[in-house]
Protein backbone atom coordinates (compact mmCIF):
# COMPACT_ATOMS: atom_id res chain seq x y z
CA GLY A 1 29.67 0.61 -11.89
CA HIS A 2 27.59 0.10 -14.96
CA ALA A 3 25.06 -2.16 -13.23
CA ALA A 4 23.89 0.55 -10.91
CA ALA A 5 23.57 3.34 -13.44
CA PRO A 6 19.81 2.74 -13.95
CA CYS A 7 19.24 2.97 -10.24
CA ARG A 8 21.25 6.24 -10.02
CA SER A 9 19.39 7.79 -12.82
CA ILE A 10 16.08 7.03 -11.02
CA VAL A 11 17.23 8.97 -7.96
CA ALA A 12 18.55 11.83 -10.14
CA ARG A 13 15.16 12.15 -11.99
CA ARG A 14 13.27 12.12 -8.72
CA SER A 15 15.22 14.91 -7.27
CA ARG A 16 15.06 16.98 -10.51
CA GLY A 17 11.21 16.65 -10.26
CA GLY A 18 10.89 18.50 -7.02
CA VAL A 19 10.16 15.55 -4.88
CA ALA A 20 13.30 14.07 -3.53
CA MET A 21 12.34 10.89 -1.45
CA THR A 22 15.80 9.37 -0.80
CA GLY A 23 15.20 8.18 2.79
CA GLY A 24 13.61 4.91 3.53
CA TRP A 25 11.61 6.59 6.35
CA GLN A 26 9.78 8.70 3.83
CA TYR A 27 8.59 5.66 1.83
CA ALA A 28 7.64 3.82 5.08
CA LEU A 29 5.65 6.90 6.15
CA ALA A 30 3.82 7.23 2.78
CA GLY A 31 3.20 3.45 2.62
CA GLY A 32 1.91 3.36 6.19
CA VAL A 33 -0.43 6.33 5.76
CA CYS A 34 -1.75 5.07 2.43
CA ALA A 35 -2.29 1.44 3.69
CA ALA A 36 -3.98 2.76 6.81
CA VAL A 37 -6.28 5.13 4.97
CA SER A 38 -7.13 2.59 2.20
CA HIS A 39 -8.11 -0.13 4.58
CA GLY A 40 -9.69 2.21 7.02
CA ILE A 41 -12.06 3.39 4.38
CA ALA A 42 -13.29 -0.15 3.83
CA CYS A 43 -14.07 -0.58 7.45
CA PRO A 44 -17.88 -0.21 7.16
CA VAL A 45 -17.83 -2.89 4.36
CA ASP A 46 -15.88 -5.30 6.69
CA VAL A 47 -18.48 -4.60 9.52
CA VAL A 48 -21.29 -5.69 7.25
CA LYS A 49 -19.34 -8.63 5.77
CA THR A 50 -18.51 -9.78 9.26
CA ARG A 51 -22.22 -9.63 10.21
CA GLN A 52 -23.13 -11.47 7.05
CA GLN A 53 -20.77 -14.26 8.08
CA THR A 54 -21.73 -14.49 11.77
CA VAL A 55 -25.34 -13.26 12.14
CA PRO A 56 -27.84 -15.49 10.28
CA SER A 57 -30.36 -12.72 9.81
CA TYR A 58 -27.77 -10.66 7.83
CA SER A 59 -27.07 -13.59 5.49
CA GLY A 60 -28.16 -12.97 1.92
CA ILE A 61 -28.70 -9.15 2.28
CA GLN A 62 -26.98 -6.65 -0.04
CA LEU A 63 -24.26 -4.33 1.14
CA HIS A 64 -26.35 -1.19 1.13
CA GLU A 65 -29.05 -3.02 3.03
CA GLY A 66 -26.54 -4.18 5.69
CA LEU A 67 -24.95 -0.65 5.96
CA ALA A 68 -28.47 0.88 6.55
CA ARG A 69 -29.39 -1.90 8.98
CA VAL A 70 -26.21 -1.55 11.07
CA VAL A 71 -26.84 2.23 11.28
CA ARG A 72 -30.49 1.68 12.12
CA GLU A 73 -30.05 -0.92 14.76
CA GLU A 74 -26.64 0.15 16.30
CA GLY A 75 -25.89 3.56 15.30
CA ALA A 76 -23.53 4.99 12.67
CA SER A 77 -20.56 4.62 15.00
CA ALA A 78 -21.00 0.86 14.74
CA LEU A 79 -19.84 1.13 11.15
CA LEU A 80 -16.34 2.00 12.49
CA THR A 81 -16.02 -1.13 14.69
CA GLY A 82 -12.53 -2.29 14.47
CA LEU A 83 -11.16 0.90 12.91
CA LYS A 84 -8.33 1.53 15.41
CA PRO A 85 -6.66 -2.01 15.02
CA THR A 86 -7.16 -1.82 11.30
CA LEU A 87 -5.42 1.61 11.09
CA LEU A 88 -2.57 0.59 13.33
CA GLY A 89 -2.13 -2.91 11.82
CA TYR A 90 -2.20 -1.89 8.16
CA GLY A 91 -0.18 1.25 9.01
CA ILE A 92 2.52 -0.88 10.33
CA GLU A 93 2.30 -3.42 7.52
CA GLY A 94 2.34 -0.66 4.82
CA ALA A 95 5.29 1.11 6.40
CA LEU A 96 7.30 -2.13 6.71
CA LYS A 97 6.48 -3.40 3.18
CA PHE A 98 7.02 -0.09 1.33
CA GLY A 99 9.91 1.09 3.32
CA ALA A 100 11.72 -2.30 2.92
CA TYR A 101 10.78 -2.44 -0.69
CA GLU A 102 12.34 0.91 -1.48
CA ARG A 103 15.50 -0.01 0.40
CA VAL A 104 16.05 -3.31 -1.36
CA LYS A 105 14.79 -2.40 -4.90
CA ALA A 106 17.98 -0.61 -6.17
CA PRO A 107 20.39 -3.10 -4.76
CA LEU A 108 18.30 -6.07 -5.95
CA ALA A 109 18.12 -4.62 -9.48
CA ALA A 110 21.90 -4.18 -9.49
CA LEU A 111 22.45 -7.68 -8.30
CA LEU A 112 20.14 -9.18 -10.95
CA VAL A 113 21.95 -7.23 -13.67
CA ARG A 114 25.25 -8.50 -12.42
CA LEU A 115 23.87 -12.04 -12.42
CA GLY A 116 22.93 -11.68 -16.15
CA ALA A 117 19.28 -10.64 -15.81
CA GLY A 118 19.99 -7.74 -17.91
CA GLY A 119 16.90 -5.70 -19.04
CA SER A 120 14.56 -7.98 -17.22
CA ALA A 121 15.69 -6.47 -13.97
CA LEU A 122 14.21 -3.05 -15.16
CA TRP A 123 10.72 -4.20 -13.96
CA LEU A 124 11.91 -3.23 -10.52
CA ARG A 125 12.06 0.35 -11.70
CA PRO A 126 8.85 2.53 -11.09
CA PRO A 127 6.73 2.98 -14.15
CA LEU A 128 7.45 6.52 -14.76
CA ALA A 129 11.19 5.93 -14.43
CA ARG A 130 10.89 3.51 -17.36
CA LEU A 131 9.78 6.36 -19.82
CA PRO A 132 12.58 7.87 -21.98
CA ALA A 133 14.01 11.00 -20.52
């Protein structure tokens, strides 16, 4: 009906743009990869932060000093301590979060419109979909 029209137009606009991501698995994959990569990149920072919290001699030193010290004392590979569980955990978290969000976004927006939320439900639409056609 009328309430679902904004959601259908979003899907139509996406498919005309050349990238048709209609399956939840595609959003789950994209969310999982992005979450894993973004948190994996921060792994060296987490290593130094953990040392600052648990090793008294690391307390009060700057990030760049901590990075250099870990490399000097333990080798560069020590900066990747915890990388595997970080990639796995955040990959799963991102896949579930973004996959589920994309699955419930359109039905939730339609429900909110039916319940009288009107235009305020449009915040669920992606930013580029809010632009005039």
